[in-house]
Protein backbone atom coordinates (compact mmCIF):
# COMPACT_ATOMS: atom_id res chain seq x y z
CA THR A 1 -38.17 -42.85 -19.12
CA GLY A 2 -38.52 -43.79 -15.49
CA ARG A 3 -36.97 -46.95 -14.06
CA TYR A 4 -37.37 -48.44 -10.62
CA GLU A 5 -35.52 -51.54 -9.51
CA CYS A 6 -36.52 -53.46 -6.44
CA SER A 7 -34.57 -56.31 -4.88
CA ALA A 8 -35.14 -58.45 -1.79
CA ARG A 9 -33.10 -61.17 -0.08
CA ALA A 10 -34.55 -63.94 2.09
CA SER A 11 -34.00 -67.62 2.87
CA MET A 12 -37.35 -68.29 1.22
CA THR A 13 -37.59 -66.80 -2.26
CA PRO A 14 -39.62 -63.59 -1.99
CA GLN A 15 -42.31 -62.52 -4.42
CA ILE A 16 -41.79 -58.89 -5.43
CA THR A 17 -44.34 -56.46 -6.79
CA LEU A 18 -43.63 -52.89 -7.79
CA THR A 19 -46.72 -50.70 -8.24
CA ARG A 20 -48.15 -47.28 -7.57
CA LYS A 21 -48.71 -46.92 -3.84
CA ASP A 22 -52.44 -46.27 -4.33
CA GLN A 23 -52.80 -49.51 -6.35
CA ILE A 24 -50.94 -51.91 -4.05
CA SER A 25 -52.59 -55.17 -3.07
CA ARG A 26 -51.19 -57.49 -0.40
CA PRO A 27 -51.07 -61.21 -1.10
CA ASN A 28 -52.55 -63.87 1.16
CA LEU A 29 -49.46 -65.32 2.90
CA GLU A 30 -51.14 -68.72 3.37
CA TYR A 31 -50.75 -69.41 -0.37
CA PHE A 32 -46.97 -69.18 -0.34
CA ASN A 33 -45.05 -72.44 -0.65
CA GLY A 34 -43.70 -73.62 2.70
CA LEU A 35 -40.51 -75.05 1.21
CA SER A 36 -37.34 -73.30 2.21
CA SER A 37 -34.35 -73.11 -0.03
CA GLY A 38 -32.14 -74.27 2.86
CA HIS A 39 -29.57 -72.05 4.48
CA VAL A 40 -28.80 -70.23 1.28
CA SER A 41 -30.11 -66.68 1.06
CA GLN A 42 -31.80 -65.96 -2.26
CA THR A 43 -32.20 -62.60 -3.92
CA THR A 44 -35.08 -61.69 -6.19
CA ILE A 45 -35.04 -58.62 -8.37
CA ASN A 46 -37.99 -56.96 -10.07
CA SER A 47 -38.01 -53.72 -12.03
CA ILE A 48 -40.50 -51.47 -13.72
CA MET A 49 -39.83 -49.28 -16.74
CA ILE A 50 -42.16 -46.39 -17.55
CA ASN A 51 -41.68 -45.06 -21.09
CA ASN A 52 -42.88 -41.60 -22.12
CA VAL A 53 -43.19 -40.45 -18.52
CA ASP A 54 -45.63 -37.59 -18.08
CA GLU A 55 -47.45 -35.87 -15.23
CA PRO A 56 -50.01 -38.64 -14.54
CA ASN A 57 -47.06 -40.98 -13.76
CA GLU A 58 -45.81 -38.72 -10.96
CA GLY A 59 -46.39 -40.07 -7.46
CA TRP A 60 -45.45 -42.68 -4.88
CA TYR A 61 -44.42 -46.21 -5.92
CA THR A 62 -44.10 -49.15 -3.55
CA CYS A 63 -41.78 -52.13 -3.70
CA LEU A 64 -43.47 -54.97 -1.81
CA ALA A 65 -41.49 -58.16 -1.09
CA CYS A 66 -43.39 -61.04 0.49
CA ASN A 67 -42.81 -64.63 1.41
CA ARG A 68 -44.53 -67.06 3.77
CA TYR A 69 -43.28 -65.20 6.83
CA GLY A 70 -44.45 -61.73 5.95
CA CYS A 71 -43.91 -58.68 3.82
CA ALA A 72 -41.50 -55.76 3.71
CA GLU A 73 -42.00 -52.64 1.66
CA HIS A 74 -40.17 -49.54 0.57
CA ASP A 75 -41.61 -46.42 -1.06
CA ALA A 76 -40.06 -44.04 -3.58
CA TYR A 77 -41.44 -40.89 -5.18
CA LEU A 78 -41.27 -40.36 -8.94
CA THR A 79 -40.99 -36.67 -9.84
CA VAL A 80 -41.79 -35.71 -13.42
CA LEU A 81 -39.79 -32.83 -14.84
CA ASP A 82 -41.51 -30.84 -17.57
CA LEU A 83 -38.53 -29.05 -19.08
CA CYS A 84 -40.82 -27.25 -21.52
CA LYS A 85 -43.30 -25.90 -18.98
CA GLY A 86 -43.77 -22.18 -19.58
CA VAL A 87 -41.55 -22.20 -22.68
CA THR A 88 -42.90 -20.42 -25.74
CA CYS A 89 -41.01 -21.17 -28.90
CA PRO A 90 -41.08 -18.66 -31.76
CA GLY A 91 -42.99 -19.22 -34.97
CA ASP A 92 -43.82 -22.84 -35.78
CA LYS A 93 -41.11 -24.27 -33.52
CA TYR A 94 -41.93 -26.58 -30.60
CA CYS A 95 -40.10 -27.24 -27.36
CA VAL A 96 -38.02 -30.39 -26.80
CA GLY A 97 -36.69 -30.95 -23.28
CA ASN A 98 -33.15 -32.27 -22.77
CA TYR A 99 -34.23 -35.09 -20.45
CA ALA A 100 -30.98 -37.02 -20.84
CA ALA A 101 -29.16 -34.17 -19.12
CA GLY A 102 -32.08 -33.47 -16.78
CA HIS A 103 -32.19 -29.77 -17.68
CA GLY A 104 -32.48 -27.39 -20.61
CA HIS A 105 -34.48 -27.42 -23.81
CA THR A 106 -34.31 -26.50 -27.49
CA CYS A 107 -36.92 -25.12 -29.86
CA GLU A 108 -37.08 -27.30 -32.96
CA CYS A 109 -38.85 -27.10 -36.28
CA PRO A 110 -41.49 -29.62 -37.26
CA SER A 111 -41.18 -31.51 -40.51
CA PHE A 112 -43.06 -29.57 -43.16
CA CYS A 113 -42.30 -31.91 -46.03
CA ASP A 114 -42.90 -35.58 -46.51
CA ARG A 115 -40.52 -37.44 -48.82
CA ALA A 116 -42.66 -36.98 -51.93
CA GLU A 117 -43.12 -33.24 -51.33
CA MET A 118 -39.38 -32.63 -50.92
CA PHE A 119 -38.76 -33.44 -54.56
CA ALA A 120 -41.89 -31.92 -56.10
CA SER A 121 -40.83 -28.92 -58.17
CA ASP A 122 -43.40 -26.17 -57.67
CA TRP A 123 -41.43 -22.93 -57.31
CA VAL A 124 -42.78 -20.24 -54.98
CA CYS A 125 -41.77 -16.68 -54.23
CA SER A 126 -42.07 -15.71 -50.57
CA ASN A 127 -42.97 -12.36 -49.04
CA TYR A 128 -39.24 -12.23 -48.14
CA CYS A 129 -38.63 -12.08 -51.92
CA GLU A 130 -36.85 -15.41 -51.89
CA GLU A 131 -37.43 -18.26 -54.30
CA GLN A 132 -37.90 -21.75 -52.94
CA PHE A 133 -38.23 -25.08 -54.74
CA ASN A 134 -41.74 -25.56 -53.29
CA GLU A 135 -43.97 -24.36 -50.44
CA CYS A 136 -42.95 -26.99 -47.88
CA MET A 137 -39.26 -26.22 -48.49
CA MET A 138 -40.07 -22.51 -48.05
CA LYS A 139 -41.72 -23.19 -44.67
CA ASP A 140 -38.84 -25.44 -43.60
CA ASP A 141 -36.25 -22.79 -44.50
CA ALA A 142 -38.31 -20.09 -42.76
CA CYS A 143 -38.53 -22.07 -39.53
CA ARG A 144 -34.84 -22.96 -39.47
CA ASN A 145 -33.81 -19.36 -40.16
CA ASP A 146 -36.41 -17.62 -37.95
CA LYS A 147 -38.28 -15.95 -40.80
CA PHE A 148 -41.61 -15.47 -39.10
CA GLY A 149 -44.86 -14.74 -40.92
CA ILE A 150 -43.61 -16.15 -44.21
CA GLU A 151 -46.15 -16.80 -46.93
CA ASP A 152 -46.40 -17.27 -50.68
CA LEU A 153 -46.14 -13.99 -52.49
CA ASN A 154 -46.85 -15.84 -55.72
CA LYS A 155 -46.44 -19.22 -57.37
CA GLY A 156 -43.41 -19.51 -59.60
CA ARG A 157 -40.15 -17.64 -59.44
CA CYS A 158 -39.94 -14.15 -57.96
CA GLY A 159 -38.83 -12.34 -61.10
CA LYS A 160 -38.06 -8.67 -61.50
CA ILE A 161 -40.07 -6.17 -59.46
CA GLU A 162 -41.49 -3.45 -61.68
CA HIS A 163 -43.38 -0.32 -60.65
CA PRO A 164 -43.30 -0.76 -56.86
CA VAL A 165 -46.07 0.96 -54.91
CA ILE A 166 -45.75 2.20 -51.34
CA LEU A 167 -48.81 0.90 -49.49
CA ASP A 168 -48.23 2.61 -46.16
CA GLU A 169 -46.06 5.66 -45.70
CA GLU A 170 -44.36 6.40 -42.40
CA HIS A 171 -43.27 9.87 -41.37
CA THR A 172 -40.24 10.26 -39.17
CA TYR A 173 -39.09 13.43 -37.58
CA GLY A 174 -35.52 14.20 -36.59
CA VAL A 175 -34.54 15.47 -33.17
CA LEU A 176 -33.11 18.99 -33.09
């Protein structure tokens, strides 16, 4: 979230606009009310809040304060930090930047189960030879525990393994 606050003080109440510098438009000063507020100085405050800031929001912003006698402006640059740029998270995890602190990130798991799926009993046996209550719970557990490449070995419980077969044999040689 980006927030800019702009304030101006004048004896005649100023009109304040806060926009991107490339979108600024200057008002016609002839249309301002000629009435003064007396000898009392008045302050006007205007602010802009940009939620879900991303790269297109980066750039120069201008605070423009005008009254019948003229305008004053001040510019500020909004820099967008992409705390996940260049980050590759393992497996199905995705990057979440720690924007509150202004630095750092974590790799988090997506939600694999909706509420109905969480409670649907449909046992599966994974290629890690682990039983899970259902497939979405298996994927959730795999992501949280960094078990990459997990898949259903079969539906139902794992059961006892009988007559194992070696599919690919590796030869290793000792060093003399």
